[in-house]
């Protein structure tokens, strides 16, 4: 009977551990989903501006230099955003 009680307690403890781990994984997945959503929207702005500037180059090639400077700025903004998101993901995963 003592073995049965011990086994029963182990099963209860195991069940609680599984619930805790499952909850923790669900929270991490939720955080990663939010990061991905934010990343997609933050990147969309600079990307849309780059596409618009490329269209301006096609219709106004005389100002290509100015447009390229702005494209460079937007690309640098995108790079910054992706680095920040990468850091957020690392912190979320390691937490």
PDB file of N, CA and C in Angstrom:
ATOM      1  N   UNK A   1       0.820  -1.190   0.000  1.00  0.00           N
ATOM      2  CA  UNK A   1       0.000   0.000   0.000  1.00  0.00           C
ATOM      3  C   UNK A   1       0.866   1.257   0.000  1.00  0.00           C
ATOM      4  N   UNK A   2       2.012   1.157   0.705  1.00  0.00           N
ATOM      5  CA  UNK A   2       2.912   2.304   0.774  1.00  0.00           C
ATOM      6  C   UNK A   2       3.441   2.660  -0.614  1.00  0.00           C
ATOM      7  N   UNK A   3       3.753   1.663  -1.436  1.00  0.00           N
ATOM      8  CA  UNK A   3       4.242   1.895  -2.797  1.00  0.00           C
ATOM      9  C   UNK A   3       3.191   2.606  -3.639  1.00  0.00           C
ATOM     10  N   UNK A   4       1.937   2.190  -3.460  1.00  0.00           N
ATOM     11  CA  UNK A   4       0.851   2.814  -4.207  1.00  0.00           C
ATOM     12  C   UNK A   4       0.726   4.289  -3.837  1.00  0.00           C
ATOM     13  N   UNK A   5       0.821   4.616  -2.562  1.00  0.00           N
ATOM     14  CA  UNK A   5       0.747   6.013  -2.114  1.00  0.00           C
ATOM     15  C   UNK A   5       1.904   6.831  -2.676  1.00  0.00           C
ATOM     16  N   UNK A   6       3.087   6.228  -2.663  1.00  0.00           N
ATOM     17  CA  UNK A   6       4.254   6.941  -3.202  1.00  0.00           C
ATOM     18  C   UNK A   6       4.095   7.176  -4.698  1.00  0.00           C
ATOM     19  N   UNK A   7       3.633   6.169  -5.399  1.00  0.00           N
ATOM     20  CA  UNK A   7       3.411   6.298  -6.840  1.00  0.00           C
ATOM     21  C   UNK A   7       2.341   7.340  -7.134  1.00  0.00           C
ATOM     22  N   UNK A   8       1.318   7.358  -6.329  1.00  0.00           N
ATOM     23  CA  UNK A   8       0.243   8.334  -6.497  1.00  0.00           C
ATOM     24  C   UNK A   8       0.768   9.754  -6.300  1.00  0.00           C
ATOM     25  N   UNK A   9       1.594   9.952  -5.278  1.00  0.00           N
ATOM     26  CA  UNK A   9       2.184  11.272  -5.029  1.00  0.00           C
ATOM     27  C   UNK A   9       3.100  11.680  -6.172  1.00  0.00           C
ATOM     28  N   UNK A  10       3.873  10.729  -6.683  1.00  0.00           N
ATOM     29  CA  UNK A  10       4.753  11.029  -7.820  1.00  0.00           C
ATOM     30  C   UNK A  10       3.939  11.433  -9.043  1.00  0.00           C
ATOM     31  N   UNK A  11       2.838  10.759  -9.277  1.00  0.00           N
ATOM     32  CA  UNK A  11       1.973  11.102 -10.412  1.00  0.00           C
ATOM     33  C   UNK A  11       1.381  12.497 -10.265  1.00  0.00           C
ATOM     34  N   UNK A  12       0.972  12.836  -9.051  1.00  0.00           N
ATOM     35  CA  UNK A  12       0.432  14.177  -8.807  1.00  0.00           C
ATOM     36  C   UNK A  12       1.512  15.220  -9.048  1.00  0.00           C
ATOM     37  N   UNK A  13       2.707  14.979  -8.525  1.00  0.00           N
ATOM     38  CA  UNK A  13       3.820  15.916  -8.717  1.00  0.00           C
ATOM     39  C   UNK A  13       4.181  16.040 -10.190  1.00  0.00           C
ATOM     40  N   UNK A  14       4.215  14.918 -10.889  1.00  0.00           N
ATOM     41  CA  UNK A  14       4.525  14.934 -12.310  1.00  0.00           C
ATOM     42  C   UNK A  14       3.466  15.715 -13.086  1.00  0.00           C
ATOM     43  N   UNK A  15       2.211  15.502 -12.736  1.00  0.00           N
ATOM     44  CA  UNK A  15       1.130  16.240 -13.392  1.00  0.00           C
ATOM     45  C   UNK A  15       1.257  17.736 -13.181  1.00  0.00           C
ATOM     46  N   UNK A  16       1.608  18.141 -11.978  1.00  0.00           N
ATOM     47  CA  UNK A  16       1.791  19.571 -11.686  1.00  0.00           C
ATOM     48  C   UNK A  16       2.984  20.128 -12.460  1.00  0.00           C
ATOM     49  N   UNK A  17       4.058  19.346 -12.543  1.00  0.00           N
ATOM     50  CA  UNK A  17       5.245  19.782 -13.282  1.00  0.00           C
ATOM     51  C   UNK A  17       4.925  19.947 -14.763  1.00  0.00           C
ATOM     52  N   UNK A  18       4.188  19.006 -15.323  1.00  0.00           N
ATOM     53  CA  UNK A  18       3.806  19.096 -16.732  1.00  0.00           C
ATOM     54  C   UNK A  18       2.928  20.321 -16.969  1.00  0.00           C
ATOM     55  N   UNK A  19       1.984  20.574 -16.083  1.00  0.00           N
ATOM     56  CA  UNK A  19       1.126  21.759 -16.219  1.00  0.00           C
ATOM     57  C   UNK A  19       1.957  23.042 -16.169  1.00  0.00           C
ATOM     58  N   UNK A  20       2.902  23.088 -15.251  1.00  0.00           N
ATOM     59  CA  UNK A  20       3.758  24.265 -15.114  1.00  0.00           C
ATOM     60  C   UNK A  20       4.601  24.472 -16.374  1.00  0.00           C
ATOM     61  N   UNK A  21       5.213  23.407 -16.863  1.00  0.00           N
ATOM     62  CA  UNK A  21       6.053  23.502 -18.071  1.00  0.00           C
ATOM     63  C   UNK A  21       5.203  23.895 -19.286  1.00  0.00           C
ATOM     64  N   UNK A  22       4.016  23.317 -19.389  1.00  0.00           N
ATOM     65  CA  UNK A  22       3.133  23.638 -20.507  1.00  0.00           C
ATOM     66  C   UNK A  22       2.741  25.115 -20.468  1.00  0.00           C
ATOM     67  N   UNK A  23       2.398  25.603 -19.298  1.00  0.00           N
ATOM     68  CA  UNK A  23       2.049  27.009 -19.148  1.00  0.00           C
ATOM     69  C   UNK A  23       3.223  27.901 -19.547  1.00  0.00           C
ATOM     70  N   UNK A  24       4.416  27.541 -19.096  1.00  0.00           N
ATOM     71  CA  UNK A  24       5.623  28.315 -19.402  1.00  0.00           C
ATOM     72  C   UNK A  24       5.863  28.351 -20.919  1.00  0.00           C
ATOM     73  N   UNK A  25       5.721  27.216 -21.569  1.00  0.00           N
ATOM     74  CA  UNK A  25       5.905  27.151 -23.027  1.00  0.00           C
ATOM     75  C   UNK A  25       4.841  27.971 -23.745  1.00  0.00           C
ATOM     76  N   UNK A  26       3.614  27.903 -23.289  1.00  0.00           N
ATOM     77  CA  UNK A  26       2.534  28.690 -23.900  1.00  0.00           C
ATOM     78  C   UNK A  26       2.810  30.189 -23.772  1.00  0.00           C
ATOM     79  N   UNK A  27       3.333  30.606 -22.632  1.00  0.00           N
ATOM     80  CA  UNK A  27       3.661  32.022 -22.437  1.00  0.00           C
ATOM     81  C   UNK A  27       4.794  32.452 -23.367  1.00  0.00           C
ATOM     82  N   UNK A  28       5.813  31.620 -23.517  1.00  0.00           N
ATOM     83  CA  UNK A  28       6.918  31.923 -24.431  1.00  0.00           C
ATOM     84  C   UNK A  28       6.411  32.028 -25.862  1.00  0.00           C
ATOM     85  N   UNK A  29       5.548  31.102 -26.262  1.00  0.00           N
ATOM     86  CA  UNK A  29       4.993  31.150 -27.610  1.00  0.00           C
ATOM     87  C   UNK A  29       4.178  32.415 -27.830  1.00  0.00           C
ATOM     88  N   UNK A  30       3.426  32.815 -26.817  1.00  0.00           N
ATOM     89  CA  UNK A  30       2.642  34.043 -26.919  1.00  0.00           C
ATOM     90  C   UNK A  30       3.568  35.250 -27.088  1.00  0.00           C
ATOM     91  N   UNK A  31       4.642  35.306 -26.304  1.00  0.00           N
ATOM     92  CA  UNK A  31       5.598  36.407 -26.408  1.00  0.00           C
ATOM     93  C   UNK A  31       6.256  36.432 -27.788  1.00  0.00           C
ATOM     94  N   UNK A  32       6.644  35.269 -28.290  1.00  0.00           N
ATOM     95  CA  UNK A  32       7.288  35.208 -29.603  1.00  0.00           C
ATOM     96  C   UNK A  32       6.321  35.610 -30.717  1.00  0.00           C
ATOM     97  N   UNK A  33       5.063  35.251 -30.579  1.00  0.00           N
ATOM     98  CA  UNK A  33       4.051  35.656 -31.559  1.00  0.00           C
ATOM     99  C   UNK A  33       3.886  37.171 -31.560  1.00  0.00           C
ATOM    100  N   UNK A  34       3.863  37.768 -30.376  1.00  0.00           N
ATOM    101  CA  UNK A  34       3.741  39.229 -30.284  1.00  0.00           C
ATOM    102  C   UNK A  34       4.960  39.918 -30.891  1.00  0.00           C
ATOM    103  N   UNK A  35       6.136  39.362 -30.646  1.00  0.00           N
ATOM    104  CA  UNK A  35       7.362  39.938 -31.222  1.00  0.00           C
ATOM    105  C   UNK A  35       7.312  39.851 -32.748  1.00  0.00           C
ATOM    106  N   UNK A  36       6.904  38.712 -33.271  1.00  0.00           N
ATOM    107  CA  UNK A  36       6.832  38.533 -34.727  1.00  0.00           C
ATOM    108  C   UNK A  36       5.834  39.507 -35.348  1.00  0.00           C
ATOM    109  N   UNK A  37       4.684  39.679 -34.698  1.00  0.00           N
ATOM    110  CA  UNK A  37       3.662  40.600 -35.197  1.00  0.00           C
ATOM    111  C   UNK A  37       4.193  42.033 -35.214  1.00  0.00           C
ATOM    112  N   UNK A  38       4.805  42.433 -34.126  1.00  0.00           N
ATOM    113  CA  UNK A  38       5.364  43.785 -34.031  1.00  0.00           C
ATOM    114  C   UNK A  38       6.448  43.983 -35.071  1.00  0.00           C
ATOM    115  N   UNK A  39       7.316  42.991 -35.212  1.00  0.00           N
ATOM    116  CA  UNK A  39       8.405  43.070 -36.174  1.00  0.00           C
ATOM    117  C   UNK A  39       7.860  43.276 -37.582  1.00  0.00           C
ATOM    118  N   UNK A  40       6.864  42.518 -37.953  1.00  0.00           N
ATOM    119  CA  UNK A  40       6.301  42.628 -39.296  1.00  0.00           C
ATOM    120  C   UNK A  40       5.758  44.027 -39.549  1.00  0.00           C
ATOM    121  N   UNK A  41       5.104  44.610 -38.559  1.00  0.00           N
ATOM    122  CA  UNK A  41       4.541  45.938 -38.741  1.00  0.00           C
ATOM    123  C   UNK A  41       5.601  47.035 -38.696  1.00  0.00           C
ATOM    124  N   UNK A  42       6.600  46.867 -37.872  1.00  0.00           N
ATOM    125  CA  UNK A  42       7.666  47.874 -37.805  1.00  0.00           C
ATOM    126  C   UNK A  42       8.497  47.864 -39.082  1.00  0.00           C
ATOM    127  N   UNK A  43       8.713  46.717 -39.657  1.00  0.00           N
ATOM    128  CA  UNK A  43       9.504  46.604 -40.878  1.00  0.00           C
ATOM    129  C   UNK A  43       8.719  47.100 -42.077  1.00  0.00           C
ATOM    130  N   UNK A  44       7.431  46.939 -42.032  1.00  0.00           N
ATOM    131  CA  UNK A  44       6.585  47.308 -43.171  1.00  0.00           C
ATOM    132  C   UNK A  44       6.709  48.785 -43.530  1.00  0.00           C
ATOM    133  N   UNK A  45       6.821  49.659 -42.542  1.00  0.00           N
ATOM    134  CA  UNK A  45       6.925  51.098 -42.811  1.00  0.00           C
ATOM    135  C   UNK A  45       8.147  51.456 -43.639  1.00  0.00           C
ATOM    136  N   UNK A  46       9.359  51.130 -43.162  1.00  0.00           N
ATOM    137  CA  UNK A  46      10.546  51.449 -43.960  1.00  0.00           C
ATOM    138  C   UNK A  46      10.545  50.751 -45.317  1.00  0.00           C
ATOM    139  N   UNK A  47      10.052  49.522 -45.365  1.00  0.00           N
ATOM    140  CA  UNK A  47      10.024  48.805 -46.643  1.00  0.00           C
ATOM    141  C   UNK A  47       9.103  49.508 -47.635  1.00  0.00           C
ATOM    142  N   UNK A  48       7.945  49.946 -47.183  1.00  0.00           N
ATOM    143  CA  UNK A  48       7.017  50.664 -48.065  1.00  0.00           C
ATOM    144  C   UNK A  48       7.653  51.958 -48.571  1.00  0.00           C
ATOM    145  N   UNK A  49       8.387  52.651 -47.685  1.00  0.00           N
ATOM    146  CA  UNK A  49       9.052  53.886 -48.113  1.00  0.00           C
ATOM    147  C   UNK A  49      10.153  53.604 -49.130  1.00  0.00           C
ATOM    148  N   UNK A  50      10.896  52.523 -48.940  1.00  0.00           N
ATOM    149  CA  UNK A  50      11.935  52.151 -49.911  1.00  0.00           C
ATOM    150  C   UNK A  50      11.306  51.863 -51.264  1.00  0.00           C
ATOM    151  N   UNK A  51      10.216  51.113 -51.271  1.00  0.00           N
ATOM    152  CA  UNK A  51       9.547  50.812 -52.534  1.00  0.00           C
ATOM    153  C   UNK A  51       9.048  52.083 -53.221  1.00  0.00           C
ATOM    154  N   UNK A  52       8.523  52.996 -52.437  1.00  0.00           N
ATOM    155  CA  UNK A  52       8.073  54.273 -53.005  1.00  0.00           C
ATOM    156  C   UNK A  52       9.227  55.082 -53.578  1.00  0.00           C
ATOM    157  N   UNK A  53      10.346  55.092 -52.869  1.00  0.00           N
ATOM    158  CA  UNK A  53      11.525  55.821 -53.362  1.00  0.00           C
ATOM    159  C   UNK A  53      12.067  55.200 -54.645  1.00  0.00           C
ATOM    160  N   UNK A  54      12.024  53.893 -54.745  1.00  0.00           N
ATOM    161  CA  UNK A  54      12.464  53.239 -55.978  1.00  0.00           C
ATOM    162  C   UNK A  54      11.566  53.624 -57.149  1.00  0.00           C
ATOM    163  N   UNK A  55      10.272  53.754 -56.895  1.00  0.00           N
ATOM    164  CA  UNK A  55       9.368  54.206 -57.952  1.00  0.00           C
ATOM    165  C   UNK A  55       9.673  55.647 -58.353  1.00  0.00           C
ATOM    166  N   UNK A  56      10.021  56.480 -57.370  1.00  0.00           N
ATOM    167  CA  UNK A  56      10.383  57.869 -57.678  1.00  0.00           C
ATOM    168  C   UNK A  56      11.638  57.934 -58.537  1.00  0.00           C
ATOM    169  N   UNK A  57      12.592  57.062 -58.280  1.00  0.00           N
ATOM    170  CA  UNK A  57      13.802  57.028 -59.104  1.00  0.00           C
ATOM    171  C   UNK A  57      13.441  56.728 -60.557  1.00  0.00           C
ATOM    172  N   UNK A  58      12.490  55.820 -60.741  1.00  0.00           N
ATOM    173  CA  UNK A  58      12.087  55.458 -62.103  1.00  0.00           C
ATOM    174  C   UNK A  58      11.455  56.626 -62.846  1.00  0.00           C
ATOM    175  N   UNK A  59      10.686  57.472 -62.136  1.00  0.00           N
ATOM    176  CA  UNK A  59      10.011  58.587 -62.815  1.00  0.00           C
ATOM    177  C   UNK A  59      10.801  59.889 -62.728  1.00  0.00           C
ATOM    178  N   UNK A  60      11.753  59.962 -61.811  1.00  0.00           N
ATOM    179  CA  UNK A  60      12.533  61.188 -61.620  1.00  0.00           C
ATOM    180  C   UNK A  60      14.009  60.840 -61.404  1.00  0.00           C
ATOM    181  N   UNK A  61      14.660  60.309 -62.442  1.00  0.00           N
ATOM    182  CA  UNK A  61      16.044  59.864 -62.277  1.00  0.00           C
ATOM    183  C   UNK A  61      17.031  60.995 -61.985  1.00  0.00           C
ATOM    184  N   UNK A  62      16.622  62.232 -62.203  1.00  0.00           N
ATOM    185  CA  UNK A  62      17.506  63.362 -61.926  1.00  0.00           C
ATOM    186  C   UNK A  62      17.813  63.538 -60.446  1.00  0.00           C
ATOM    187  N   UNK A  63      16.972  63.047 -59.578  1.00  0.00           N
ATOM    188  CA  UNK A  63      17.163  63.161 -58.132  1.00  0.00           C
ATOM    189  C   UNK A  63      17.556  61.828 -57.484  1.00  0.00           C
ATOM    190  N   UNK A  64      18.143  60.951 -58.269  1.00  0.00           N
ATOM    191  CA  UNK A  64      18.495  59.621 -57.782  1.00  0.00           C
ATOM    192  C   UNK A  64      19.370  59.682 -56.533  1.00  0.00           C
ATOM    193  N   UNK A  65      20.310  60.595 -56.497  1.00  0.00           N
ATOM    194  CA  UNK A  65      21.213  60.709 -55.348  1.00  0.00           C
ATOM    195  C   UNK A  65      20.459  60.958 -54.055  1.00  0.00           C
ATOM    196  N   UNK A  66      19.502  61.881 -54.100  1.00  0.00           N
ATOM    197  CA  UNK A  66      18.696  62.166 -52.903  1.00  0.00           C
ATOM    198  C   UNK A  66      17.874  60.948 -52.482  1.00  0.00           C
ATOM    199  N   UNK A  67      17.313  60.279 -53.468  1.00  0.00           N
ATOM    200  CA  UNK A  67      16.501  59.106 -53.163  1.00  0.00           C
ATOM    201  C   UNK A  67      17.355  57.982 -52.565  1.00  0.00           C
ATOM    202  N   UNK A  68      18.556  57.811 -53.101  1.00  0.00           N
ATOM    203  CA  UNK A  68      19.431  56.757 -52.580  1.00  0.00           C
ATOM    204  C   UNK A  68      19.834  57.027 -51.131  1.00  0.00           C
ATOM    205  N   UNK A  69      20.030  58.285 -50.794  1.00  0.00           N
ATOM    206  CA  UNK A  69      20.345  58.627 -49.398  1.00  0.00           C
ATOM    207  C   UNK A  69      19.176  58.229 -48.498  1.00  0.00           C
ATOM    208  N   UNK A  70      17.967  58.532 -48.941  1.00  0.00           N
ATOM    209  CA  UNK A  70      16.787  58.184 -48.137  1.00  0.00           C
ATOM    210  C   UNK A  70      16.585  56.675 -48.063  1.00  0.00           C
ATOM    211  N   UNK A  71      16.854  55.978 -49.178  1.00  0.00           N
ATOM    212  CA  UNK A  71      16.756  54.517 -49.170  1.00  0.00           C
ATOM    213  C   UNK A  71      17.750  53.943 -48.167  1.00  0.00           C
ATOM    214  N   UNK A  72      18.960  54.491 -48.156  1.00  0.00           N
ATOM    215  CA  UNK A  72      19.974  54.044 -47.209  1.00  0.00           C
ATOM    216  C   UNK A  72      19.492  54.252 -45.767  1.00  0.00           C
ATOM    217  N   UNK A  73      18.901  55.404 -45.493  1.00  0.00           N
ATOM    218  CA  UNK A  73      18.370  55.672 -44.144  1.00  0.00           C
ATOM    219  C   UNK A  73      17.284  54.672 -43.754  1.00  0.00           C
ATOM    220  N   UNK A  74      16.385  54.404 -44.679  1.00  0.00           N
ATOM    221  CA  UNK A  74      15.302  53.461 -44.396  1.00  0.00           C
ATOM    222  C   UNK A  74      15.862  52.048 -44.190  1.00  0.00           C
ATOM    223  N   UNK A  75      16.841  51.660 -44.997  1.00  0.00           N
ATOM    224  CA  UNK A  75      17.453  50.338 -44.842  1.00  0.00           C
ATOM    225  C   UNK A  75      18.148  50.228 -43.489  1.00  0.00           C
ATOM    226  N   UNK A  76      18.803  51.300 -43.062  1.00  0.00           N
ATOM    227  CA  UNK A  76      19.438  51.300 -41.743  1.00  0.00           C
ATOM    228  C   UNK A  76      18.400  51.198 -40.630  1.00  0.00           C
ATOM    229  N   UNK A  77      17.249  51.852 -40.805  1.00  0.00           N
ATOM    230  CA  UNK A  77      16.159  51.727 -39.826  1.00  0.00           C
ATOM    231  C   UNK A  77      15.678  50.276 -39.747  1.00  0.00           C
ATOM    232  N   UNK A  78      15.525  49.641 -40.907  1.00  0.00           N
ATOM    233  CA  UNK A  78      15.102  48.244 -40.922  1.00  0.00           C
ATOM    234  C   UNK A  78      16.133  47.355 -40.225  1.00  0.00           C
ATOM    235  N   UNK A  79      17.387  47.636 -40.468  1.00  0.00           N
ATOM    236  CA  UNK A  79      18.454  46.858 -39.825  1.00  0.00           C
ATOM    237  C   UNK A  79      18.386  47.011 -38.306  1.00  0.00           C
ATOM    238  N   UNK A  80      18.189  48.231 -37.846  1.00  0.00           N
ATOM    239  CA  UNK A  80      18.076  48.485 -36.410  1.00  0.00           C
ATOM    240  C   UNK A  80      16.894  47.728 -35.809  1.00  0.00           C
ATOM    241  N   UNK A  81      15.767  47.773 -36.504  1.00  0.00           N
ATOM    242  CA  UNK A  81      14.564  47.091 -36.022  1.00  0.00           C
ATOM    243  C   UNK A  81      14.816  45.589 -35.921  1.00  0.00           C
ATOM    244  N   UNK A  82      15.408  45.003 -36.954  1.00  0.00           N
ATOM    245  CA  UNK A  82      15.625  43.557 -36.932  1.00  0.00           C
ATOM    246  C   UNK A  82      16.614  43.156 -35.841  1.00  0.00           C
ATOM    247  N   UNK A  83      17.614  43.989 -35.585  1.00  0.00           N
ATOM    248  CA  UNK A  83      18.548  43.692 -34.495  1.00  0.00           C
ATOM    249  C   UNK A  83      17.834  43.748 -33.144  1.00  0.00           C
ATOM    250  N   UNK A  84      16.993  44.755 -32.957  1.00  0.00           N
ATOM    251  CA  UNK A  84      16.244  44.881 -31.699  1.00  0.00           C
ATOM    252  C   UNK A  84      15.308  43.697 -31.503  1.00  0.00           C
ATOM    253  N   UNK A  85      14.663  43.271 -32.572  1.00  0.00           N
ATOM    254  CA  UNK A  85      13.765  42.134 -32.477  1.00  0.00           C
ATOM    255  C   UNK A  85      14.558  40.865 -32.153  1.00  0.00           C
ATOM    256  N   UNK A  86      15.718  40.712 -32.786  1.00  0.00           N
ATOM    257  CA  UNK A  86      16.567  39.564 -32.490  1.00  0.00           C
ATOM    258  C   UNK A  86      16.964  39.524 -31.024  1.00  0.00           C
ATOM    259  N   UNK A  87      17.303  40.683 -30.479  1.00  0.00           N
ATOM    260  CA  UNK A  87      17.651  40.757 -29.060  1.00  0.00           C
ATOM    261  C   UNK A  87      16.451  40.428 -28.176  1.00  0.00           C
ATOM    262  N   UNK A  88      15.277  40.911 -28.570  1.00  0.00           N
ATOM    263  CA  UNK A  88      14.056  40.606 -27.809  1.00  0.00           C
ATOM    264  C   UNK A  88      13.771  39.115 -27.820  1.00  0.00           C
ATOM    265  N   UNK A  89      13.957  38.487 -28.970  1.00  0.00           N
ATOM    266  CA  UNK A  89      13.726  37.047 -29.073  1.00  0.00           C
ATOM    267  C   UNK A  89      14.709  36.293 -28.189  1.00  0.00           C
ATOM    268  N   UNK A  90      15.972  36.690 -28.226  1.00  0.00           N
ATOM    269  CA  UNK A  90      16.970  36.023 -27.379  1.00  0.00           C
ATOM    270  C   UNK A  90      16.613  36.149 -25.908  1.00  0.00           C
ATOM    271  N   UNK A  91      16.202  37.349 -25.490  1.00  0.00           N
ATOM    272  CA  UNK A  91      15.827  37.531 -24.089  1.00  0.00           C
ATOM    273  C   UNK A  91      14.598  36.706 -23.730  1.00  0.00           C
ATOM    274  N   UNK A  92      13.662  36.621 -24.645  1.00  0.00           N
ATOM    275  CA  UNK A  92      12.446  35.856 -24.393  1.00  0.00           C
ATOM    276  C   UNK A  92      12.761  34.373 -24.277  1.00  0.00           C
ATOM    277  N   UNK A  93      13.591  33.891 -25.146  1.00  0.00           N
ATOM    278  CA  UNK A  93      13.934  32.461 -25.141  1.00  0.00           C
ATOM    279  C   UNK A  93      14.753  32.113 -23.898  1.00  0.00           C
ATOM    280  N   UNK A  94      15.679  32.985 -23.540  1.00  0.00           N
ATOM    281  CA  UNK A  94      16.565  32.698 -22.405  1.00  0.00           C
ATOM    282  C   UNK A  94      15.877  32.895 -21.071  1.00  0.00           C
ATOM    283  N   UNK A  95      14.781  33.647 -21.050  1.00  0.00           N
ATOM    284  CA  UNK A  95      14.078  33.943 -19.805  1.00  0.00           C
ATOM    285  C   UNK A  95      13.396  32.731 -19.245  1.00  0.00           C
TER     286      UNK A  95
END
